[in-house]
């Protein structure tokens, strides 16, 4: 079973766009399911995450916010789902 990586962001967020590129590069190195969530579609998410986006979770656990390190993401995915 592969991990589920969720990227929380919103349209027009340049950091979110950069994070998506990093996550996609990591996906080329290790298999996982990618879910993208637009926080603007949920008032609660918007309030909780607006100042933190992009936020990346692995299987529901926070992994990174604001900036995503590709190697750290690959390492976390490799150790969580060998």
PDB file of N, CA and C in Angstrom:
ATOM      1  N   UNK A   1       0.845  -1.184   0.000  1.00  0.00           N
ATOM      2  CA  UNK A   1       0.000   0.000   0.000  1.00  0.00           C
ATOM      3  C   UNK A   1       0.889   1.247   0.000  1.00  0.00           C
ATOM      4  N   UNK A   2       0.619   2.165  -0.925  1.00  0.00           N
ATOM      5  CA  UNK A   2       1.457   3.356  -0.994  1.00  0.00           C
ATOM      6  C   UNK A   2       0.894   4.458  -0.100  1.00  0.00           C
ATOM      7  N   UNK A   3       1.760   5.378   0.207  1.00  0.00           N
ATOM      8  CA  UNK A   3       1.390   6.503   1.062  1.00  0.00           C
ATOM      9  C   UNK A   3       0.463   7.449   0.311  1.00  0.00           C
ATOM     10  N   UNK A   4      -0.255   8.246   1.081  1.00  0.00           N
ATOM     11  CA  UNK A   4      -1.080   9.308   0.519  1.00  0.00           C
ATOM     12  C   UNK A   4      -0.453  10.633   0.942  1.00  0.00           C
ATOM     13  N   UNK A   5      -0.018  11.385  -0.045  1.00  0.00           N
ATOM     14  CA  UNK A   5       0.550  12.711   0.201  1.00  0.00           C
ATOM     15  C   UNK A   5      -0.510  13.730  -0.189  1.00  0.00           C
ATOM     16  N   UNK A   6      -0.834  14.602   0.745  1.00  0.00           N
ATOM     17  CA  UNK A   6      -1.837  15.637   0.490  1.00  0.00           C
ATOM     18  C   UNK A   6      -1.150  16.992   0.486  1.00  0.00           C
ATOM     19  N   UNK A   7      -1.420  17.754  -0.552  1.00  0.00           N
ATOM     20  CA  UNK A   7      -0.882  19.106  -0.680  1.00  0.00           C
ATOM     21  C   UNK A   7      -2.039  20.081  -0.530  1.00  0.00           C
ATOM     22  N   UNK A   8      -2.008  20.855   0.543  1.00  0.00           N
ATOM     23  CA  UNK A   8      -3.022  21.877   0.799  1.00  0.00           C
ATOM     24  C   UNK A   8      -2.501  23.204   0.267  1.00  0.00           C
ATOM     25  N   UNK A   9      -3.330  23.887  -0.516  1.00  0.00           N
ATOM     26  CA  UNK A   9      -2.922  25.167  -1.072  1.00  0.00           C
ATOM     27  C   UNK A   9      -4.133  25.932  -1.561  1.00  0.00           C
ATOM     28  N   UNK A  10      -3.866  26.920  -2.410  1.00  0.00           N
ATOM     29  CA  UNK A  10      -4.955  27.712  -2.995  1.00  0.00           C
ATOM     30  C   UNK A  10      -4.470  28.301  -4.308  1.00  0.00           C
ATOM     31  N   UNK A  11      -5.385  28.599  -5.212  1.00  0.00           N
ATOM     32  CA  UNK A  11      -5.012  29.190  -6.493  1.00  0.00           C
ATOM     33  C   UNK A  11      -4.279  30.512  -6.310  1.00  0.00           C
ATOM     34  N   UNK A  12      -3.280  30.741  -7.149  1.00  0.00           N
ATOM     35  CA  UNK A  12      -2.541  31.988  -7.101  1.00  0.00           C
ATOM     36  C   UNK A  12      -1.435  32.030  -6.068  1.00  0.00           C
ATOM     37  N   UNK A  13      -1.236  30.954  -5.349  1.00  0.00           N
ATOM     38  CA  UNK A  13      -0.191  30.885  -4.318  1.00  0.00           C
ATOM     39  C   UNK A  13       1.098  30.373  -4.976  1.00  0.00           C
ATOM     40  N   UNK A  14       2.083  31.256  -5.135  1.00  0.00           N
ATOM     41  CA  UNK A  14       3.313  30.836  -5.813  1.00  0.00           C
ATOM     42  C   UNK A  14       4.082  29.786  -5.020  1.00  0.00           C
ATOM     43  N   UNK A  15       4.049  29.850  -3.704  1.00  0.00           N
ATOM     44  CA  UNK A  15       4.716  28.815  -2.909  1.00  0.00           C
ATOM     45  C   UNK A  15       4.039  27.460  -3.095  1.00  0.00           C
ATOM     46  N   UNK A  16       2.717  27.482  -3.274  1.00  0.00           N
ATOM     47  CA  UNK A  16       1.977  26.238  -3.507  1.00  0.00           C
ATOM     48  C   UNK A  16       2.364  25.641  -4.860  1.00  0.00           C
ATOM     49  N   UNK A  17       2.517  26.500  -5.850  1.00  0.00           N
ATOM     50  CA  UNK A  17       2.934  26.033  -7.178  1.00  0.00           C
ATOM     51  C   UNK A  17       4.326  25.423  -7.114  1.00  0.00           C
ATOM     52  N   UNK A  18       5.231  26.067  -6.389  1.00  0.00           N
ATOM     53  CA  UNK A  18       6.586  25.538  -6.230  1.00  0.00           C
ATOM     54  C   UNK A  18       6.566  24.211  -5.479  1.00  0.00           C
ATOM     55  N   UNK A  19       5.738  24.118  -4.454  1.00  0.00           N
ATOM     56  CA  UNK A  19       5.634  22.884  -3.676  1.00  0.00           C
ATOM     57  C   UNK A  19       5.131  21.738  -4.549  1.00  0.00           C
ATOM     58  N   UNK A  20       4.174  22.025  -5.422  1.00  0.00           N
ATOM     59  CA  UNK A  20       3.646  20.987  -6.305  1.00  0.00           C
ATOM     60  C   UNK A  20       4.738  20.450  -7.220  1.00  0.00           C
ATOM     61  N   UNK A  21       5.590  21.303  -7.732  1.00  0.00           N
ATOM     62  CA  UNK A  21       6.698  20.864  -8.580  1.00  0.00           C
ATOM     63  C   UNK A  21       7.621  19.931  -7.795  1.00  0.00           C
ATOM     64  N   UNK A  22       7.946  20.298  -6.560  1.00  0.00           N
ATOM     65  CA  UNK A  22       8.814  19.475  -5.718  1.00  0.00           C
ATOM     66  C   UNK A  22       8.152  18.129  -5.424  1.00  0.00           C
ATOM     67  N   UNK A  23       6.876  18.151  -5.089  1.00  0.00           N
ATOM     68  CA  UNK A  23       6.152  16.915  -4.786  1.00  0.00           C
ATOM     69  C   UNK A  23       6.106  16.016  -6.020  1.00  0.00           C
ATOM     70  N   UNK A  24       5.903  16.586  -7.188  1.00  0.00           N
ATOM     71  CA  UNK A  24       5.869  15.787  -8.413  1.00  0.00           C
ATOM     72  C   UNK A  24       7.247  15.194  -8.726  1.00  0.00           C
ATOM     73  N   UNK A  25       8.308  15.938  -8.456  1.00  0.00           N
ATOM     74  CA  UNK A  25       9.665  15.377  -8.642  1.00  0.00           C
ATOM     75  C   UNK A  25       9.889  14.213  -7.693  1.00  0.00           C
ATOM     76  N   UNK A  26       9.436  14.360  -6.448  1.00  0.00           N
ATOM     77  CA  UNK A  26       9.569  13.280  -5.465  1.00  0.00           C
ATOM     78  C   UNK A  26       8.773  12.060  -5.921  1.00  0.00           C
ATOM     79  N   UNK A  27       7.622  12.306  -6.514  1.00  0.00           N
ATOM     80  CA  UNK A  27       6.762  11.210  -6.991  1.00  0.00           C
ATOM     81  C   UNK A  27       7.428  10.410  -8.097  1.00  0.00           C
ATOM     82  N   UNK A  28       8.330  11.028  -8.833  1.00  0.00           N
ATOM     83  CA  UNK A  28       9.083  10.315  -9.867  1.00  0.00           C
ATOM     84  C   UNK A  28      10.115   9.376  -9.239  1.00  0.00           C
ATOM     85  N   UNK A  29      10.434   9.605  -7.979  1.00  0.00           N
ATOM     86  CA  UNK A  29      11.451   8.800  -7.284  1.00  0.00           C
ATOM     87  C   UNK A  29      10.854   7.725  -6.383  1.00  0.00           C
ATOM     88  N   UNK A  30       9.655   7.988  -5.848  1.00  0.00           N
ATOM     89  CA  UNK A  30       8.999   7.041  -4.945  1.00  0.00           C
ATOM     90  C   UNK A  30       7.487   7.124  -5.181  1.00  0.00           C
ATOM     91  N   UNK A  31       6.838   5.972  -5.187  1.00  0.00           N
ATOM     92  CA  UNK A  31       5.401   5.932  -5.501  1.00  0.00           C
ATOM     93  C   UNK A  31       4.555   6.399  -4.318  1.00  0.00           C
ATOM     94  N   UNK A  32       3.579   7.236  -4.605  1.00  0.00           N
ATOM     95  CA  UNK A  32       2.578   7.623  -3.612  1.00  0.00           C
ATOM     96  C   UNK A  32       1.385   8.209  -4.333  1.00  0.00           C
ATOM     97  N   UNK A  33       0.266   8.227  -3.634  1.00  0.00           N
ATOM     98  CA  UNK A  33      -0.943   8.848  -4.158  1.00  0.00           C
ATOM     99  C   UNK A  33      -0.902  10.324  -3.783  1.00  0.00           C
ATOM    100  N   UNK A  34      -1.155  11.181  -4.743  1.00  0.00           N
ATOM    101  CA  UNK A  34      -1.150  12.619  -4.498  1.00  0.00           C
ATOM    102  C   UNK A  34      -2.578  13.145  -4.500  1.00  0.00           C
ATOM    103  N   UNK A  35      -2.930  13.875  -3.439  1.00  0.00           N
ATOM    104  CA  UNK A  35      -4.229  14.527  -3.332  1.00  0.00           C
ATOM    105  C   UNK A  35      -3.958  16.017  -3.164  1.00  0.00           C
ATOM    106  N   UNK A  36      -4.577  16.824  -4.009  1.00  0.00           N
ATOM    107  CA  UNK A  36      -4.451  18.273  -3.891  1.00  0.00           C
ATOM    108  C   UNK A  36      -5.750  18.828  -3.312  1.00  0.00           C
ATOM    109  N   UNK A  37      -5.637  19.666  -2.294  1.00  0.00           N
ATOM    110  CA  UNK A  37      -6.809  20.244  -1.642  1.00  0.00           C
ATOM    111  C   UNK A  37      -6.722  21.766  -1.711  1.00  0.00           C
ATOM    112  N   UNK A  38      -7.746  22.373  -2.287  1.00  0.00           N
ATOM    113  CA  UNK A  38      -7.863  23.826  -2.346  1.00  0.00           C
ATOM    114  C   UNK A  38      -8.534  24.274  -1.045  1.00  0.00           C
ATOM    115  N   UNK A  39      -7.790  24.962  -0.207  1.00  0.00           N
ATOM    116  CA  UNK A  39      -8.335  25.359   1.099  1.00  0.00           C
ATOM    117  C   UNK A  39      -9.470  26.370   0.976  1.00  0.00           C
ATOM    118  N   UNK A  40      -9.593  27.010  -0.176  1.00  0.00           N
ATOM    119  CA  UNK A  40     -10.670  27.985  -0.345  1.00  0.00           C
ATOM    120  C   UNK A  40     -12.035  27.317  -0.397  1.00  0.00           C
ATOM    121  N   UNK A  41     -12.071  26.006  -0.594  1.00  0.00           N
ATOM    122  CA  UNK A  41     -13.336  25.294  -0.663  1.00  0.00           C
ATOM    123  C   UNK A  41     -13.889  24.898   0.700  1.00  0.00           C
ATOM    124  N   UNK A  42     -13.158  25.212   1.762  1.00  0.00           N
ATOM    125  CA  UNK A  42     -13.577  24.812   3.107  1.00  0.00           C
ATOM    126  C   UNK A  42     -13.204  25.923   4.081  1.00  0.00           C
ATOM    127  N   UNK A  43     -14.214  26.560   4.663  1.00  0.00           N
ATOM    128  CA  UNK A  43     -13.963  27.704   5.549  1.00  0.00           C
ATOM    129  C   UNK A  43     -13.031  27.363   6.708  1.00  0.00           C
ATOM    130  N   UNK A  44     -13.209  26.190   7.302  1.00  0.00           N
ATOM    131  CA  UNK A  44     -12.370  25.775   8.439  1.00  0.00           C
ATOM    132  C   UNK A  44     -10.919  25.591   8.001  1.00  0.00           C
ATOM    133  N   UNK A  45     -10.700  24.885   6.891  1.00  0.00           N
ATOM    134  CA  UNK A  45      -9.331  24.722   6.377  1.00  0.00           C
ATOM    135  C   UNK A  45      -8.711  26.078   6.064  1.00  0.00           C
ATOM    136  N   UNK A  46      -9.496  26.937   5.457  1.00  0.00           N
ATOM    137  CA  UNK A  46      -9.004  28.266   5.096  1.00  0.00           C
ATOM    138  C   UNK A  46      -8.518  29.007   6.335  1.00  0.00           C
ATOM    139  N   UNK A  47      -9.316  29.006   7.398  1.00  0.00           N
ATOM    140  CA  UNK A  47      -8.923  29.698   8.634  1.00  0.00           C
ATOM    141  C   UNK A  47      -7.674  29.066   9.251  1.00  0.00           C
ATOM    142  N   UNK A  48      -7.611  27.745   9.277  1.00  0.00           N
ATOM    143  CA  UNK A  48      -6.491  27.063   9.934  1.00  0.00           C
ATOM    144  C   UNK A  48      -5.197  27.112   9.139  1.00  0.00           C
ATOM    145  N   UNK A  49      -5.298  27.132   7.816  1.00  0.00           N
ATOM    146  CA  UNK A  49      -4.092  26.929   7.014  1.00  0.00           C
ATOM    147  C   UNK A  49      -3.632  28.118   6.191  1.00  0.00           C
ATOM    148  N   UNK A  50      -4.398  29.169   6.110  1.00  0.00           N
ATOM    149  CA  UNK A  50      -4.053  30.273   5.220  1.00  0.00           C
ATOM    150  C   UNK A  50      -2.625  30.771   5.410  1.00  0.00           C
ATOM    151  N   UNK A  51      -2.196  30.939   6.639  1.00  0.00           N
ATOM    152  CA  UNK A  51      -0.855  31.466   6.910  1.00  0.00           C
ATOM    153  C   UNK A  51       0.228  30.388   6.835  1.00  0.00           C
ATOM    154  N   UNK A  52      -0.162  29.135   6.637  1.00  0.00           N
ATOM    155  CA  UNK A  52       0.800  28.023   6.639  1.00  0.00           C
ATOM    156  C   UNK A  52       1.049  27.432   5.255  1.00  0.00           C
ATOM    157  N   UNK A  53       0.168  27.702   4.288  1.00  0.00           N
ATOM    158  CA  UNK A  53       0.259  27.006   3.005  1.00  0.00           C
ATOM    159  C   UNK A  53       1.506  27.386   2.237  1.00  0.00           C
ATOM    160  N   UNK A  54       2.010  26.457   1.461  1.00  0.00           N
ATOM    161  CA  UNK A  54       1.504  25.106   1.266  1.00  0.00           C
ATOM    162  C   UNK A  54       1.811  24.207   2.465  1.00  0.00           C
ATOM    163  N   UNK A  55       0.894  23.294   2.719  1.00  0.00           N
ATOM    164  CA  UNK A  55       1.082  22.285   3.759  1.00  0.00           C
ATOM    165  C   UNK A  55       1.060  20.927   3.080  1.00  0.00           C
ATOM    166  N   UNK A  56       2.036  20.101   3.426  1.00  0.00           N
ATOM    167  CA  UNK A  56       2.108  18.746   2.890  1.00  0.00           C
ATOM    168  C   UNK A  56       1.970  17.774   4.050  1.00  0.00           C
ATOM    169  N   UNK A  57       1.048  16.821   3.886  1.00  0.00           N
ATOM    170  CA  UNK A  57       0.910  15.760   4.874  1.00  0.00           C
ATOM    171  C   UNK A  57       1.203  14.419   4.213  1.00  0.00           C
ATOM    172  N   UNK A  58       1.656  13.490   5.030  1.00  0.00           N
ATOM    173  CA  UNK A  58       1.858  12.107   4.591  1.00  0.00           C
ATOM    174  C   UNK A  58       0.954  11.253   5.458  1.00  0.00           C
ATOM    175  N   UNK A  59       0.016  10.582   4.819  1.00  0.00           N
ATOM    176  CA  UNK A  59      -0.950   9.750   5.532  1.00  0.00           C
ATOM    177  C   UNK A  59      -1.614  10.509   6.680  1.00  0.00           C
ATOM    178  N   UNK A  60      -1.930  11.781   6.433  1.00  0.00           N
ATOM    179  CA  UNK A  60      -2.645  12.580   7.415  1.00  0.00           C
ATOM    180  C   UNK A  60      -1.792  13.273   8.460  1.00  0.00           C
ATOM    181  N   UNK A  61      -0.492  13.032   8.432  1.00  0.00           N
ATOM    182  CA  UNK A  61       0.409  13.670   9.414  1.00  0.00           C
ATOM    183  C   UNK A  61       1.186  14.788   8.743  1.00  0.00           C
ATOM    184  N   UNK A  62       1.255  15.927   9.427  1.00  0.00           N
ATOM    185  CA  UNK A  62       2.003  17.057   8.871  1.00  0.00           C
ATOM    186  C   UNK A  62       3.441  16.667   8.576  1.00  0.00           C
ATOM    187  N   UNK A  63       3.890  17.043   7.386  1.00  0.00           N
ATOM    188  CA  UNK A  63       5.283  16.794   7.009  1.00  0.00           C
ATOM    189  C   UNK A  63       6.016  18.115   6.784  1.00  0.00           C
ATOM    190  N   UNK A  64       5.391  19.042   6.063  1.00  0.00           N
ATOM    191  CA  UNK A  64       6.072  20.307   5.744  1.00  0.00           C
ATOM    192  C   UNK A  64       5.043  21.410   5.567  1.00  0.00           C
ATOM    193  N   UNK A  65       5.490  22.630   5.793  1.00  0.00           N
ATOM    194  CA  UNK A  65       4.668  23.794   5.481  1.00  0.00           C
ATOM    195  C   UNK A  65       5.576  24.901   4.968  1.00  0.00           C
ATOM    196  N   UNK A  66       5.013  25.748   4.151  1.00  0.00           N
ATOM    197  CA  UNK A  66       5.678  26.871   3.485  1.00  0.00           C
ATOM    198  C   UNK A  66       6.666  26.425   2.412  1.00  0.00           C
ATOM    199  N   UNK A  67       7.601  25.565   2.738  1.00  0.00           N
ATOM    200  CA  UNK A  67       8.568  25.064   1.767  1.00  0.00           C
ATOM    201  C   UNK A  67       8.684  23.556   1.905  1.00  0.00           C
ATOM    202  N   UNK A  68       8.866  22.877   0.776  1.00  0.00           N
ATOM    203  CA  UNK A  68       8.981  21.417   0.783  1.00  0.00           C
ATOM    204  C   UNK A  68      10.373  21.036   0.306  1.00  0.00           C
ATOM    205  N   UNK A  69      11.074  20.255   1.110  1.00  0.00           N
ATOM    206  CA  UNK A  69      12.393  19.755   0.749  1.00  0.00           C
ATOM    207  C   UNK A  69      12.204  18.389   0.093  1.00  0.00           C
ATOM    208  N   UNK A  70      12.615  18.289  -1.166  1.00  0.00           N
ATOM    209  CA  UNK A  70      12.401  17.052  -1.924  1.00  0.00           C
ATOM    210  C   UNK A  70      13.043  15.841  -1.258  1.00  0.00           C
ATOM    211  N   UNK A  71      14.289  15.956  -0.853  1.00  0.00           N
ATOM    212  CA  UNK A  71      14.984  14.808  -0.253  1.00  0.00           C
ATOM    213  C   UNK A  71      14.339  14.397   1.064  1.00  0.00           C
ATOM    214  N   UNK A  72      13.928  15.355   1.863  1.00  0.00           N
ATOM    215  CA  UNK A  72      13.260  15.033   3.130  1.00  0.00           C
ATOM    216  C   UNK A  72      11.939  14.322   2.874  1.00  0.00           C
ATOM    217  N   UNK A  73      11.211  14.735   1.847  1.00  0.00           N
ATOM    218  CA  UNK A  73       9.950  14.082   1.501  1.00  0.00           C
ATOM    219  C   UNK A  73      10.191  12.655   1.035  1.00  0.00           C
ATOM    220  N   UNK A  74      11.171  12.472   0.155  1.00  0.00           N
ATOM    221  CA  UNK A  74      11.499  11.127  -0.339  1.00  0.00           C
ATOM    222  C   UNK A  74      11.939  10.233   0.821  1.00  0.00           C
ATOM    223  N   UNK A  75      12.768  10.749   1.703  1.00  0.00           N
ATOM    224  CA  UNK A  75      13.234   9.977   2.859  1.00  0.00           C
ATOM    225  C   UNK A  75      12.069   9.569   3.757  1.00  0.00           C
ATOM    226  N   UNK A  76      11.173  10.528   4.037  1.00  0.00           N
ATOM    227  CA  UNK A  76      10.033  10.226   4.903  1.00  0.00           C
ATOM    228  C   UNK A  76       9.141   9.174   4.260  1.00  0.00           C
ATOM    229  N   UNK A  77       8.928   9.279   2.962  1.00  0.00           N
ATOM    230  CA  UNK A  77       8.092   8.296   2.265  1.00  0.00           C
ATOM    231  C   UNK A  77       8.757   6.936   2.210  1.00  0.00           C
ATOM    232  N   UNK A  78      10.059   6.907   2.013  1.00  0.00           N
ATOM    233  CA  UNK A  78      10.788   5.632   1.950  1.00  0.00           C
ATOM    234  C   UNK A  78      10.779   4.914   3.278  1.00  0.00           C
ATOM    235  N   UNK A  79      10.898   5.656   4.377  1.00  0.00           N
ATOM    236  CA  UNK A  79      10.915   5.016   5.686  1.00  0.00           C
ATOM    237  C   UNK A  79       9.517   4.638   6.158  1.00  0.00           C
ATOM    238  N   UNK A  80       8.504   5.406   5.735  1.00  0.00           N
ATOM    239  CA  UNK A  80       7.133   5.115   6.154  1.00  0.00           C
ATOM    240  C   UNK A  80       6.534   3.940   5.384  1.00  0.00           C
ATOM    241  N   UNK A  81       6.961   3.785   4.140  1.00  0.00           N
ATOM    242  CA  UNK A  81       6.414   2.730   3.270  1.00  0.00           C
ATOM    243  C   UNK A  81       7.544   2.081   2.492  1.00  0.00           C
ATOM    244  N   UNK A  82       8.340   1.237   3.176  1.00  0.00           N
ATOM    245  CA  UNK A  82       9.489   0.619   2.491  1.00  0.00           C
ATOM    246  C   UNK A  82       9.087  -0.293   1.364  1.00  0.00           C
TER     247      UNK A  82
END
